[in-house]
PDB file of N, CA and C in Angstrom:
ATOM      1  N   UNK A   1       0.300 -20.298 -45.972  1.00  0.00           N
ATOM      2  CA  UNK A   1       0.337 -20.064 -44.853  1.00  0.00           C
ATOM      3  C   UNK A   1       2.167 -20.036 -44.532  1.00  0.00           C
ATOM      4  N   UNK A   2       2.646 -19.032 -43.308  1.00  0.00           N
ATOM      5  CA  UNK A   2       3.875 -18.987 -43.287  1.00  0.00           C
ATOM      6  C   UNK A   2       4.550 -20.575 -43.079  1.00  0.00           C
ATOM      7  N   UNK A   3       5.731 -20.981 -42.927  1.00  0.00           N
ATOM      8  CA  UNK A   3       6.873 -21.970 -42.682  1.00  0.00           C
ATOM      9  C   UNK A   3       6.443 -21.712 -40.861  1.00  0.00           C
ATOM     10  N   UNK A   4       7.178 -23.061 -40.866  1.00  0.00           N
ATOM     11  CA  UNK A   4       7.282 -24.006 -39.277  1.00  0.00           C
ATOM     12  C   UNK A   4       8.480 -23.160 -39.059  1.00  0.00           C
ATOM     13  N   UNK A   5       8.737 -22.824 -38.059  1.00  0.00           N
ATOM     14  CA  UNK A   5      10.212 -22.828 -37.569  1.00  0.00           C
ATOM     15  C   UNK A   5      11.453 -23.788 -37.821  1.00  0.00           C
ATOM     16  N   UNK A   6      10.715 -24.907 -38.084  1.00  0.00           N
ATOM     17  CA  UNK A   6      11.693 -26.101 -38.543  1.00  0.00           C
ATOM     18  C   UNK A   6      12.045 -26.328 -39.781  1.00  0.00           C
ATOM     19  N   UNK A   7      10.968 -25.838 -40.452  1.00  0.00           N
ATOM     20  CA  UNK A   7      11.110 -25.973 -41.967  1.00  0.00           C
ATOM     21  C   UNK A   7      12.117 -24.469 -42.751  1.00  0.00           C
ATOM     22  N   UNK A   8      12.215 -23.357 -42.085  1.00  0.00           N
ATOM     23  CA  UNK A   8      12.987 -22.485 -41.894  1.00  0.00           C
ATOM     24  C   UNK A   8      13.986 -22.529 -41.861  1.00  0.00           C
ATOM     25  N   UNK A   9      14.045 -22.864 -40.778  1.00  0.00           N
ATOM     26  CA  UNK A   9      16.001 -23.502 -40.134  1.00  0.00           C
ATOM     27  C   UNK A   9      16.323 -24.699 -40.942  1.00  0.00           C
ATOM     28  N   UNK A  10      14.765 -25.433 -41.303  1.00  0.00           N
ATOM     29  CA  UNK A  10      16.056 -26.544 -42.913  1.00  0.00           C
ATOM     30  C   UNK A  10      16.174 -25.649 -44.042  1.00  0.00           C
ATOM     31  N   UNK A  11      14.985 -25.301 -44.634  1.00  0.00           N
ATOM     32  CA  UNK A  11      15.869 -24.226 -45.349  1.00  0.00           C
ATOM     33  C   UNK A  11      16.857 -23.063 -45.618  1.00  0.00           C
ATOM     34  N   UNK A  12      17.120 -22.207 -44.546  1.00  0.00           N
ATOM     35  CA  UNK A  12      18.103 -21.608 -43.868  1.00  0.00           C
ATOM     36  C   UNK A  12      19.811 -22.393 -44.262  1.00  0.00           C
ATOM     37  N   UNK A  13      19.369 -23.442 -43.298  1.00  0.00           N
ATOM     38  CA  UNK A  13      20.328 -24.728 -43.503  1.00  0.00           C
ATOM     39  C   UNK A  13      20.994 -24.997 -44.956  1.00  0.00           C
ATOM     40  N   UNK A  14      19.677 -25.605 -45.807  1.00  0.00           N
ATOM     41  CA  UNK A  14      20.220 -25.302 -47.208  1.00  0.00           C
ATOM     42  C   UNK A  14      21.013 -24.213 -47.547  1.00  0.00           C
ATOM     43  N   UNK A  15      20.190 -22.912 -47.014  1.00  0.00           N
ATOM     44  CA  UNK A  15      21.148 -21.841 -47.840  1.00  0.00           C
ATOM     45  C   UNK A  15      22.050 -21.303 -47.276  1.00  0.00           C
ATOM     46  N   UNK A  16      22.945 -22.176 -46.047  1.00  0.00           N
ATOM     47  CA  UNK A  16      24.131 -21.265 -45.447  1.00  0.00           C
ATOM     48  C   UNK A  16      25.157 -22.498 -45.977  1.00  0.00           C
ATOM     49  N   UNK A  17      24.574 -23.259 -46.811  1.00  0.00           N
ATOM     50  CA  UNK A  17      25.780 -24.901 -46.602  1.00  0.00           C
ATOM     51  C   UNK A  17      27.563 -24.502 -47.295  1.00  0.00           C
ATOM     52  N   UNK A  18      27.340 -23.927 -47.611  1.00  0.00           N
ATOM     53  CA  UNK A  18      29.222 -23.691 -48.141  1.00  0.00           C
ATOM     54  C   UNK A  18      29.574 -22.479 -46.814  1.00  0.00           C
ATOM     55  N   UNK A  19      28.758 -22.789 -46.353  1.00  0.00           N
ATOM     56  CA  UNK A  19      29.187 -21.231 -45.454  1.00  0.00           C
ATOM     57  C   UNK A  19      29.783 -22.306 -43.603  1.00  0.00           C
ATOM     58  N   UNK A  20      31.165 -22.894 -43.524  1.00  0.00           N
ATOM     59  CA  UNK A  20      31.370 -22.734 -42.530  1.00  0.00           C
ATOM     60  C   UNK A  20      32.289 -22.105 -40.803  1.00  0.00           C
ATOM     61  N   UNK A  21      31.966 -23.222 -39.954  1.00  0.00           N
ATOM     62  CA  UNK A  21      32.858 -21.969 -38.782  1.00  0.00           C
ATOM     63  C   UNK A  21      33.738 -22.071 -38.817  1.00  0.00           C
ATOM     64  N   UNK A  22      33.528 -20.511 -38.298  1.00  0.00           N
ATOM     65  CA  UNK A  22      34.055 -19.370 -38.497  1.00  0.00           C
ATOM     66  C   UNK A  22      34.217 -18.316 -36.952  1.00  0.00           C
ATOM     67  N   UNK A  23      36.226 -17.495 -37.044  1.00  0.00           N
ATOM     68  CA  UNK A  23      36.861 -16.968 -35.728  1.00  0.00           C
ATOM     69  C   UNK A  23      35.416 -15.604 -35.882  1.00  0.00           C
ATOM     70  N   UNK A  24      35.383 -15.115 -34.501  1.00  0.00           N
ATOM     71  CA  UNK A  24      35.284 -13.515 -34.757  1.00  0.00           C
ATOM     72  C   UNK A  24      35.891 -12.871 -33.698  1.00  0.00           C
ATOM     73  N   UNK A  25      35.828 -11.343 -33.437  1.00  0.00           N
ATOM     74  CA  UNK A  25      36.932 -10.776 -33.007  1.00  0.00           C
ATOM     75  C   UNK A  25      36.393  -9.426 -31.857  1.00  0.00           C
ATOM     76  N   UNK A  26      36.246  -9.847 -30.559  1.00  0.00           N
ATOM     77  CA  UNK A  26      35.126  -8.740 -30.223  1.00  0.00           C
ATOM     78  C   UNK A  26      35.855  -7.062 -30.616  1.00  0.00           C
ATOM     79  N   UNK A  27      35.608  -6.043 -30.394  1.00  0.00           N
ATOM     80  CA  UNK A  27      36.180  -4.907 -31.281  1.00  0.00           C
ATOM     81  C   UNK A  27      35.157  -4.067 -30.221  1.00  0.00           C
ATOM     82  N   UNK A  28      35.017  -2.848 -29.983  1.00  0.00           N
ATOM     83  CA  UNK A  28      34.534  -1.814 -29.223  1.00  0.00           C
ATOM     84  C   UNK A  28      33.372  -1.851 -28.912  1.00  0.00           C
ATOM     85  N   UNK A  29      33.021  -0.889 -27.636  1.00  0.00           N
ATOM     86  CA  UNK A  29      31.732  -0.959 -27.040  1.00  0.00           C
ATOM     87  C   UNK A  29      31.194  -0.223 -27.860  1.00  0.00           C
ATOM     88  N   UNK A  30      29.459  -0.566 -27.495  1.00  0.00           N
ATOM     89  CA  UNK A  30      28.157   0.525 -27.836  1.00  0.00           C
ATOM     90  C   UNK A  30      27.738   0.441 -26.410  1.00  0.00           C
ATOM     91  N   UNK A  31      26.030   0.999 -27.618  1.00  0.00           N
ATOM     92  CA  UNK A  31      24.768   0.599 -26.331  1.00  0.00           C
ATOM     93  C   UNK A  31      23.708   0.630 -27.963  1.00  0.00           C
ATOM     94  N   UNK A  32      23.519  -0.525 -27.307  1.00  0.00           N
ATOM     95  CA  UNK A  32      22.223  -1.038 -28.700  1.00  0.00           C
ATOM     96  C   UNK A  32      20.556  -1.055 -27.899  1.00  0.00           C
ATOM     97  N   UNK A  33      19.158  -0.656 -28.429  1.00  0.00           N
ATOM     98  CA  UNK A  33      18.220  -0.691 -27.840  1.00  0.00           C
ATOM     99  C   UNK A  33      17.585   0.511 -27.923  1.00  0.00           C
ATOM    100  N   UNK A  34      16.204   0.490 -27.967  1.00  0.00           N
ATOM    101  CA  UNK A  34      15.141   2.087 -28.150  1.00  0.00           C
ATOM    102  C   UNK A  34      15.602   2.684 -27.174  1.00  0.00           C
ATOM    103  N   UNK A  35      16.517   2.474 -25.962  1.00  0.00           N
ATOM    104  CA  UNK A  35      16.968   3.478 -25.007  1.00  0.00           C
ATOM    105  C   UNK A  35      18.070   3.920 -25.281  1.00  0.00           C
ATOM    106  N   UNK A  36      18.746   2.908 -26.182  1.00  0.00           N
ATOM    107  CA  UNK A  36      20.238   2.883 -25.735  1.00  0.00           C
ATOM    108  C   UNK A  36      20.968   2.675 -24.590  1.00  0.00           C
ATOM    109  N   UNK A  37      20.642   1.875 -23.934  1.00  0.00           N
ATOM    110  CA  UNK A  37      20.634   1.159 -22.602  1.00  0.00           C
ATOM    111  C   UNK A  37      21.356  -0.344 -22.102  1.00  0.00           C
ATOM    112  N   UNK A  38      21.139  -0.811 -23.532  1.00  0.00           N
ATOM    113  CA  UNK A  38      22.344  -2.007 -23.756  1.00  0.00           C
ATOM    114  C   UNK A  38      23.195  -2.506 -24.414  1.00  0.00           C
ATOM    115  N   UNK A  39      24.404  -2.582 -22.691  1.00  0.00           N
ATOM    116  CA  UNK A  39      25.544  -2.686 -23.375  1.00  0.00           C
ATOM    117  C   UNK A  39      25.952  -3.721 -24.527  1.00  0.00           C
ATOM    118  N   UNK A  40      27.092  -3.525 -25.466  1.00  0.00           N
ATOM    119  CA  UNK A  40      26.774  -4.748 -26.808  1.00  0.00           C
ATOM    120  C   UNK A  40      28.378  -3.915 -26.926  1.00  0.00           C
ATOM    121  N   UNK A  41      28.997  -5.488 -27.652  1.00  0.00           N
ATOM    122  CA  UNK A  41      30.452  -5.120 -27.752  1.00  0.00           C
ATOM    123  C   UNK A  41      30.271  -5.583 -29.301  1.00  0.00           C
ATOM    124  N   UNK A  42      30.203  -4.589 -29.686  1.00  0.00           N
ATOM    125  CA  UNK A  42      30.700  -5.254 -31.409  1.00  0.00           C
ATOM    126  C   UNK A  42      32.159  -5.828 -31.731  1.00  0.00           C
ATOM    127  N   UNK A  43      31.509  -6.555 -33.274  1.00  0.00           N
ATOM    128  CA  UNK A  43      32.597  -7.309 -33.625  1.00  0.00           C
ATOM    129  C   UNK A  43      33.327  -6.429 -34.780  1.00  0.00           C
ATOM    130  N   UNK A  44      34.372  -7.045 -34.951  1.00  0.00           N
ATOM    131  CA  UNK A  44      36.016  -6.300 -35.556  1.00  0.00           C
ATOM    132  C   UNK A  44      35.262  -7.030 -36.804  1.00  0.00           C
ATOM    133  N   UNK A  45      35.145  -5.442 -37.747  1.00  0.00           N
ATOM    134  CA  UNK A  45      34.772  -6.344 -39.348  1.00  0.00           C
ATOM    135  C   UNK A  45      37.045  -6.312 -39.779  1.00  0.00           C
ATOM    136  N   UNK A  46      36.515  -6.933 -41.344  1.00  0.00           N
ATOM    137  CA  UNK A  46      35.119  -8.428 -41.607  1.00  0.00           C
ATOM    138  C   UNK A  46      34.708  -9.314 -40.853  1.00  0.00           C
ATOM    139  N   UNK A  47      33.467 -10.074 -41.198  1.00  0.00           N
ATOM    140  CA  UNK A  47      33.465 -11.644 -40.332  1.00  0.00           C
ATOM    141  C   UNK A  47      32.294 -12.000 -41.424  1.00  0.00           C
ATOM    142  N   UNK A  48      32.469 -13.394 -41.621  1.00  0.00           N
ATOM    143  CA  UNK A  48      31.521 -13.437 -42.575  1.00  0.00           C
ATOM    144  C   UNK A  48      30.027 -12.849 -42.149  1.00  0.00           C
ATOM    145  N   UNK A  49      29.811 -12.969 -41.147  1.00  0.00           N
ATOM    146  CA  UNK A  49      28.272 -12.369 -40.144  1.00  0.00           C
ATOM    147  C   UNK A  49      27.256 -11.639 -41.086  1.00  0.00           C
ATOM    148  N   UNK A  50      28.490 -10.934 -41.974  1.00  0.00           N
ATOM    149  CA  UNK A  50      27.005  -9.457 -42.583  1.00  0.00           C
ATOM    150  C   UNK A  50      27.542  -9.946 -43.379  1.00  0.00           C
ATOM    151  N   UNK A  51      28.391 -11.152 -44.601  1.00  0.00           N
ATOM    152  CA  UNK A  51      27.480 -12.019 -45.592  1.00  0.00           C
ATOM    153  C   UNK A  51      26.487 -12.955 -45.404  1.00  0.00           C
ATOM    154  N   UNK A  52      26.437 -14.122 -44.279  1.00  0.00           N
ATOM    155  CA  UNK A  52      25.136 -14.801 -43.878  1.00  0.00           C
ATOM    156  C   UNK A  52      24.134 -13.519 -43.569  1.00  0.00           C
ATOM    157  N   UNK A  53      24.308 -12.698 -42.867  1.00  0.00           N
ATOM    158  CA  UNK A  53      23.022 -11.822 -42.857  1.00  0.00           C
ATOM    159  C   UNK A  53      21.834 -11.510 -44.029  1.00  0.00           C
ATOM    160  N   UNK A  54      23.046 -10.738 -45.010  1.00  0.00           N
ATOM    161  CA  UNK A  54      21.874 -10.292 -46.744  1.00  0.00           C
ATOM    162  C   UNK A  54      21.668 -12.499 -46.891  1.00  0.00           C
ATOM    163  N   UNK A  55      21.835 -13.663 -46.772  1.00  0.00           N
ATOM    164  CA  UNK A  55      21.814 -14.498 -47.606  1.00  0.00           C
ATOM    165  C   UNK A  55      20.398 -14.715 -46.061  1.00  0.00           C
ATOM    166  N   UNK A  56      19.756 -14.492 -44.893  1.00  0.00           N
ATOM    167  CA  UNK A  56      19.508 -15.113 -44.752  1.00  0.00           C
ATOM    168  C   UNK A  56      18.334 -13.997 -44.772  1.00  0.00           C
ATOM    169  N   UNK A  57      17.919 -12.846 -45.003  1.00  0.00           N
ATOM    170  CA  UNK A  57      17.510 -11.543 -45.129  1.00  0.00           C
ATOM    171  C   UNK A  57      17.030 -12.025 -46.573  1.00  0.00           C
ATOM    172  N   UNK A  58      17.577 -12.309 -47.729  1.00  0.00           N
ATOM    173  CA  UNK A  58      17.309 -12.840 -48.668  1.00  0.00           C
ATOM    174  C   UNK A  58      16.233 -14.080 -48.466  1.00  0.00           C
ATOM    175  N   UNK A  59      16.349 -15.219 -47.953  1.00  0.00           N
ATOM    176  CA  UNK A  59      15.861 -16.488 -47.622  1.00  0.00           C
ATOM    177  C   UNK A  59      14.016 -16.128 -47.241  1.00  0.00           C
ATOM    178  N   UNK A  60      14.703 -15.034 -45.986  1.00  0.00           N
ATOM    179  CA  UNK A  60      13.001 -14.552 -45.492  1.00  0.00           C
ATOM    180  C   UNK A  60      12.040 -14.498 -46.544  1.00  0.00           C
ATOM    181  N   UNK A  61      12.490 -13.243 -46.854  1.00  0.00           N
ATOM    182  CA  UNK A  61      11.755 -12.088 -47.811  1.00  0.00           C
ATOM    183  C   UNK A  61      11.217 -13.482 -49.041  1.00  0.00           C
ATOM    184  N   UNK A  62      12.008 -14.499 -49.382  1.00  0.00           N
ATOM    185  CA  UNK A  62      11.285 -15.152 -50.192  1.00  0.00           C
ATOM    186  C   UNK A  62      10.439 -16.122 -50.070  1.00  0.00           C
ATOM    187  N   UNK A  63      10.676 -16.009 -48.806  1.00  0.00           N
ATOM    188  CA  UNK A  63       9.507 -16.908 -47.987  1.00  0.00           C
ATOM    189  C   UNK A  63       8.405 -16.453 -47.455  1.00  0.00           C
ATOM    190  N   UNK A  64       8.372 -14.823 -47.382  1.00  0.00           N
ATOM    191  CA  UNK A  64       7.660 -13.942 -46.686  1.00  0.00           C
ATOM    192  C   UNK A  64       7.161 -14.057 -45.517  1.00  0.00           C
ATOM    193  N   UNK A  65       8.823 -14.638 -45.244  1.00  0.00           N
ATOM    194  CA  UNK A  65       8.798 -14.456 -43.149  1.00  0.00           C
ATOM    195  C   UNK A  65       8.587 -13.296 -42.605  1.00  0.00           C
ATOM    196  N   UNK A  66       7.936 -12.892 -41.881  1.00  0.00           N
ATOM    197  CA  UNK A  66       7.572 -11.093 -41.193  1.00  0.00           C
ATOM    198  C   UNK A  66       9.172 -11.003 -40.901  1.00  0.00           C
ATOM    199  N   UNK A  67       9.883  -9.707 -41.277  1.00  0.00           N
ATOM    200  CA  UNK A  67      11.248  -8.824 -40.744  1.00  0.00           C
ATOM    201  C   UNK A  67      10.075  -8.229 -39.758  1.00  0.00           C
ATOM    202  N   UNK A  68      10.714  -7.555 -38.724  1.00  0.00           N
ATOM    203  CA  UNK A  68      10.855  -6.884 -37.744  1.00  0.00           C
ATOM    204  C   UNK A  68      10.754  -5.416 -38.460  1.00  0.00           C
ATOM    205  N   UNK A  69      11.705  -5.157 -39.327  1.00  0.00           N
ATOM    206  CA  UNK A  69      11.987  -3.755 -40.107  1.00  0.00           C
ATOM    207  C   UNK A  69      11.166  -3.764 -41.081  1.00  0.00           C
ATOM    208  N   UNK A  70      10.960  -4.419 -41.653  1.00  0.00           N
ATOM    209  CA  UNK A  70       9.316  -4.632 -43.043  1.00  0.00           C
ATOM    210  C   UNK A  70       8.176  -3.568 -42.478  1.00  0.00           C
ATOM    211  N   UNK A  71       8.054  -3.994 -40.871  1.00  0.00           N
ATOM    212  CA  UNK A  71       6.582  -3.622 -40.168  1.00  0.00           C
ATOM    213  C   UNK A  71       7.177  -2.233 -39.720  1.00  0.00           C
ATOM    214  N   UNK A  72       7.716  -1.127 -39.874  1.00  0.00           N
ATOM    215  CA  UNK A  72       8.425  -0.294 -39.289  1.00  0.00           C
ATOM    216  C   UNK A  72       8.962   0.279 -40.456  1.00  0.00           C
ATOM    217  N   UNK A  73       8.990  -0.030 -41.744  1.00  0.00           N
ATOM    218  CA  UNK A  73      10.055   0.604 -42.951  1.00  0.00           C
ATOM    219  C   UNK A  73      11.126   1.604 -42.977  1.00  0.00           C
ATOM    220  N   UNK A  74      11.930   0.880 -41.468  1.00  0.00           N
ATOM    221  CA  UNK A  74      13.040   1.300 -41.244  1.00  0.00           C
ATOM    222  C   UNK A  74      14.187   0.257 -41.451  1.00  0.00           C
ATOM    223  N   UNK A  75      14.795   0.403 -42.390  1.00  0.00           N
ATOM    224  CA  UNK A  75      15.935  -0.342 -42.884  1.00  0.00           C
ATOM    225  C   UNK A  75      16.968   0.088 -41.750  1.00  0.00           C
ATOM    226  N   UNK A  76      17.482  -0.632 -40.829  1.00  0.00           N
ATOM    227  CA  UNK A  76      18.578  -0.070 -39.574  1.00  0.00           C
ATOM    228  C   UNK A  76      19.806  -1.233 -40.100  1.00  0.00           C
ATOM    229  N   UNK A  77      20.593  -0.214 -39.904  1.00  0.00           N
ATOM    230  CA  UNK A  77      21.858  -0.702 -40.439  1.00  0.00           C
ATOM    231  C   UNK A  77      22.425  -2.210 -39.075  1.00  0.00           C
ATOM    232  N   UNK A  78      22.676  -3.458 -40.774  1.00  0.00           N
ATOM    233  CA  UNK A  78      23.082  -4.409 -39.751  1.00  0.00           C
ATOM    234  C   UNK A  78      24.769  -4.343 -39.179  1.00  0.00           C
ATOM    235  N   UNK A  79      24.549  -3.979 -37.391  1.00  0.00           N
ATOM    236  CA  UNK A  79      26.020  -4.058 -37.112  1.00  0.00           C
ATOM    237  C   UNK A  79      26.258  -5.210 -36.204  1.00  0.00           C
ATOM    238  N   UNK A  80      27.153  -6.253 -36.619  1.00  0.00           N
ATOM    239  CA  UNK A  80      27.106  -7.360 -35.283  1.00  0.00           C
ATOM    240  C   UNK A  80      27.942  -7.756 -34.322  1.00  0.00           C
ATOM    241  N   UNK A  81      27.029  -8.205 -33.278  1.00  0.00           N
ATOM    242  CA  UNK A  81      27.401  -7.391 -31.769  1.00  0.00           C
ATOM    243  C   UNK A  81      27.137  -8.690 -30.684  1.00  0.00           C
ATOM    244  N   UNK A  82      27.439  -8.553 -29.983  1.00  0.00           N
ATOM    245  CA  UNK A  82      27.324  -9.780 -28.882  1.00  0.00           C
ATOM    246  C   UNK A  82      26.588  -8.369 -27.626  1.00  0.00           C
ATOM    247  N   UNK A  83      25.793  -8.938 -27.156  1.00  0.00           N
ATOM    248  CA  UNK A  83      24.874  -8.233 -26.409  1.00  0.00           C
ATOM    249  C   UNK A  83      25.595  -8.828 -24.905  1.00  0.00           C
ATOM    250  N   UNK A  84      26.078  -7.903 -23.751  1.00  0.00           N
ATOM    251  CA  UNK A  84      26.282  -8.094 -22.455  1.00  0.00           C
ATOM    252  C   UNK A  84      25.785  -8.637 -22.457  1.00  0.00           C
ATOM    253  N   UNK A  85      25.817  -9.535 -20.911  1.00  0.00           N
ATOM    254  CA  UNK A  85      25.404 -10.388 -19.859  1.00  0.00           C
ATOM    255  C   UNK A  85      25.733  -9.990 -18.901  1.00  0.00           C
ATOM    256  N   UNK A  86      24.820 -10.568 -17.757  1.00  0.00           N
ATOM    257  CA  UNK A  86      25.306 -10.725 -16.326  1.00  0.00           C
ATOM    258  C   UNK A  86      26.047 -10.773 -15.963  1.00  0.00           C
ATOM    259  N   UNK A  87      27.014 -11.342 -15.692  1.00  0.00           N
ATOM    260  CA  UNK A  87      28.554 -12.362 -15.179  1.00  0.00           C
ATOM    261  C   UNK A  87      29.418 -12.980 -16.335  1.00  0.00           C
ATOM    262  N   UNK A  88      29.788 -12.646 -17.423  1.00  0.00           N
ATOM    263  CA  UNK A  88      30.596 -12.581 -18.489  1.00  0.00           C
ATOM    264  C   UNK A  88      30.261 -12.073 -18.974  1.00  0.00           C
ATOM    265  N   UNK A  89      30.794 -11.385 -19.614  1.00  0.00           N
ATOM    266  CA  UNK A  89      31.314 -10.357 -20.591  1.00  0.00           C
ATOM    267  C   UNK A  89      32.205 -10.526 -21.913  1.00  0.00           C
ATOM    268  N   UNK A  90      31.824 -10.004 -22.807  1.00  0.00           N
ATOM    269  CA  UNK A  90      33.262 -10.854 -24.072  1.00  0.00           C
ATOM    270  C   UNK A  90      34.499  -8.901 -24.155  1.00  0.00           C
ATOM    271  N   UNK A  91      35.780  -9.255 -24.281  1.00  0.00           N
ATOM    272  CA  UNK A  91      36.053  -7.871 -23.999  1.00  0.00           C
ATOM    273  C   UNK A  91      36.799  -7.553 -25.200  1.00  0.00           C
ATOM    274  N   UNK A  92      37.425  -6.832 -25.653  1.00  0.00           N
ATOM    275  CA  UNK A  92      37.983  -6.151 -26.804  1.00  0.00           C
ATOM    276  C   UNK A  92      38.933  -7.289 -27.136  1.00  0.00           C
ATOM    277  N   UNK A  93      39.347  -7.674 -28.120  1.00  0.00           N
ATOM    278  CA  UNK A  93      40.413  -8.328 -28.764  1.00  0.00           C
ATOM    279  C   UNK A  93      39.642  -9.850 -28.748  1.00  0.00           C
ATOM    280  N   UNK A  94      38.832 -10.094 -27.388  1.00  0.00           N
ATOM    281  CA  UNK A  94      38.704 -11.788 -26.938  1.00  0.00           C
ATOM    282  C   UNK A  94      38.016 -12.253 -28.611  1.00  0.00           C
ATOM    283  N   UNK A  95      38.745 -13.769 -28.361  1.00  0.00           N
ATOM    284  CA  UNK A  95      37.630 -14.781 -29.716  1.00  0.00           C
ATOM    285  C   UNK A  95      37.000 -15.582 -29.928  1.00  0.00           C
ATOM    286  N   UNK A  96      36.423 -15.357 -30.416  1.00  0.00           N
ATOM    287  CA  UNK A  96      34.843 -16.872 -30.467  1.00  0.00           C
ATOM    288  C   UNK A  96      34.720 -17.486 -31.136  1.00  0.00           C
ATOM    289  N   UNK A  97      34.298 -18.905 -32.139  1.00  0.00           N
ATOM    290  CA  UNK A  97      34.159 -19.783 -32.930  1.00  0.00           C
ATOM    291  C   UNK A  97      32.498 -19.348 -33.099  1.00  0.00           C
ATOM    292  N   UNK A  98      32.180 -19.091 -34.446  1.00  0.00           N
ATOM    293  CA  UNK A  98      30.342 -19.451 -34.863  1.00  0.00           C
ATOM    294  C   UNK A  98      30.317 -20.600 -35.548  1.00  0.00           C
ATOM    295  N   UNK A  99      29.521 -21.932 -34.033  1.00  0.00           N
ATOM    296  CA  UNK A  99      29.170 -22.546 -34.963  1.00  0.00           C
ATOM    297  C   UNK A  99      27.883 -22.869 -35.459  1.00  0.00           C
ATOM    298  N   UNK A 100      26.961 -22.064 -35.530  1.00  0.00           N
ATOM    299  CA  UNK A 100      25.386 -22.024 -34.938  1.00  0.00           C
ATOM    300  C   UNK A 100      25.019 -20.979 -35.213  1.00  0.00           C
ATOM    301  N   UNK A 101      23.821 -20.663 -35.906  1.00  0.00           N
ATOM    302  CA  UNK A 101      22.924 -19.662 -35.681  1.00  0.00           C
ATOM    303  C   UNK A 101      21.178 -19.573 -35.253  1.00  0.00           C
ATOM    304  N   UNK A 102      21.109 -19.484 -34.572  1.00  0.00           N
ATOM    305  CA  UNK A 102      19.671 -19.548 -33.835  1.00  0.00           C
ATOM    306  C   UNK A 102      18.080 -18.747 -34.863  1.00  0.00           C
ATOM    307  N   UNK A 103      17.257 -19.135 -34.808  1.00  0.00           N
ATOM    308  CA  UNK A 103      15.830 -18.449 -34.924  1.00  0.00           C
ATOM    309  C   UNK A 103      15.338 -18.258 -33.993  1.00  0.00           C
ATOM    310  N   UNK A 104      15.327 -17.520 -33.761  1.00  0.00           N
ATOM    311  CA  UNK A 104      14.397 -16.256 -32.435  1.00  0.00           C
ATOM    312  C   UNK A 104      13.226 -15.960 -33.133  1.00  0.00           C
ATOM    313  N   UNK A 105      11.307 -15.877 -32.184  1.00  0.00           N
ATOM    314  CA  UNK A 105      10.458 -15.593 -32.265  1.00  0.00           C
ATOM    315  C   UNK A 105      10.356 -14.392 -31.348  1.00  0.00           C
ATOM    316  N   UNK A 106       9.778 -13.437 -32.029  1.00  0.00           N
ATOM    317  CA  UNK A 106       9.701 -12.392 -30.627  1.00  0.00           C
ATOM    318  C   UNK A 106       8.195 -12.815 -29.951  1.00  0.00           C
ATOM    319  N   UNK A 107       7.920 -13.024 -28.805  1.00  0.00           N
ATOM    320  CA  UNK A 107       6.891 -13.461 -29.013  1.00  0.00           C
ATOM    321  C   UNK A 107       5.399 -12.876 -27.184  1.00  0.00           C
ATOM    322  N   UNK A 108       5.172 -11.643 -28.167  1.00  0.00           N
ATOM    323  CA  UNK A 108       4.688 -10.367 -26.411  1.00  0.00           C
ATOM    324  C   UNK A 108       6.477  -9.652 -26.299  1.00  0.00           C
ATOM    325  N   UNK A 109       6.292  -9.448 -25.484  1.00  0.00           N
ATOM    326  CA  UNK A 109       7.725  -8.080 -24.735  1.00  0.00           C
ATOM    327  C   UNK A 109       9.201  -9.738 -24.482  1.00  0.00           C
ATOM    328  N   UNK A 110       8.829 -10.872 -25.416  1.00  0.00           N
ATOM    329  CA  UNK A 110       9.899 -12.223 -24.672  1.00  0.00           C
ATOM    330  C   UNK A 110      10.149 -13.059 -26.086  1.00  0.00           C
ATOM    331  N   UNK A 111      11.741 -13.309 -26.014  1.00  0.00           N
ATOM    332  CA  UNK A 111      11.726 -13.369 -26.810  1.00  0.00           C
ATOM    333  C   UNK A 111      12.334 -15.066 -27.434  1.00  0.00           C
ATOM    334  N   UNK A 112      12.345 -16.072 -27.928  1.00  0.00           N
ATOM    335  CA  UNK A 112      11.946 -17.458 -27.613  1.00  0.00           C
ATOM    336  C   UNK A 112      13.010 -17.519 -29.158  1.00  0.00           C
ATOM    337  N   UNK A 113      14.472 -19.179 -28.472  1.00  0.00           N
ATOM    338  CA  UNK A 113      15.050 -19.792 -29.267  1.00  0.00           C
ATOM    339  C   UNK A 113      14.433 -20.756 -30.153  1.00  0.00           C
ATOM    340  N   UNK A 114      12.958 -20.942 -31.234  1.00  0.00           N
ATOM    341  CA  UNK A 114      12.738 -21.701 -31.703  1.00  0.00           C
ATOM    342  C   UNK A 114      13.461 -22.542 -32.551  1.00  0.00           C
ATOM    343  N   UNK A 115      14.595 -22.483 -32.872  1.00  0.00           N
ATOM    344  CA  UNK A 115      14.927 -23.197 -34.210  1.00  0.00           C
ATOM    345  C   UNK A 115      17.145 -23.275 -34.390  1.00  0.00           C
ATOM    346  N   UNK A 116      18.042 -24.057 -34.320  1.00  0.00           N
ATOM    347  CA  UNK A 116      19.042 -23.735 -34.295  1.00  0.00           C
ATOM    348  C   UNK A 116      19.299 -23.788 -36.479  1.00  0.00           C
ATOM    349  N   UNK A 117      20.198 -23.645 -36.154  1.00  0.00           N
ATOM    350  CA  UNK A 117      21.200 -24.121 -38.124  1.00  0.00           C
ATOM    351  C   UNK A 117      22.415 -23.868 -37.556  1.00  0.00           C
ATOM    352  N   UNK A 118      23.012 -25.206 -37.777  1.00  0.00           N
ATOM    353  CA  UNK A 118      24.108 -25.561 -37.978  1.00  0.00           C
ATOM    354  C   UNK A 118      25.448 -25.379 -39.202  1.00  0.00           C
ATOM    355  N   UNK A 119      26.797 -23.886 -38.891  1.00  0.00           N
ATOM    356  CA  UNK A 119      27.075 -23.713 -39.850  1.00  0.00           C
ATOM    357  C   UNK A 119      27.851 -25.528 -40.357  1.00  0.00           C
TER     358      UNK A 119
END
């Protein structure tokens, strides 16, 4: 049976205990999405997000949690970014602190935050 979102969040919390909150800086713009129509702000590298992504992917793979790109067999490069939101946008050079991660489940056409992991 697949693990619950809460169990996955707890396990990820343990896997990421050595990581403390950290600062990231907005970089250049890009377009993401299947039709390249979603504006995003890339995050300047290096950041701890790349290391976190590798640890999270390894943990989820070990737990046999379904990963999107494993169904398509297309491994896309992880590019840390912030998706533009109506009324607020990150600009190049803006900084913010990452204190927690969210687990998001795809539910049909919608995505839902089902758990969070505090750093």
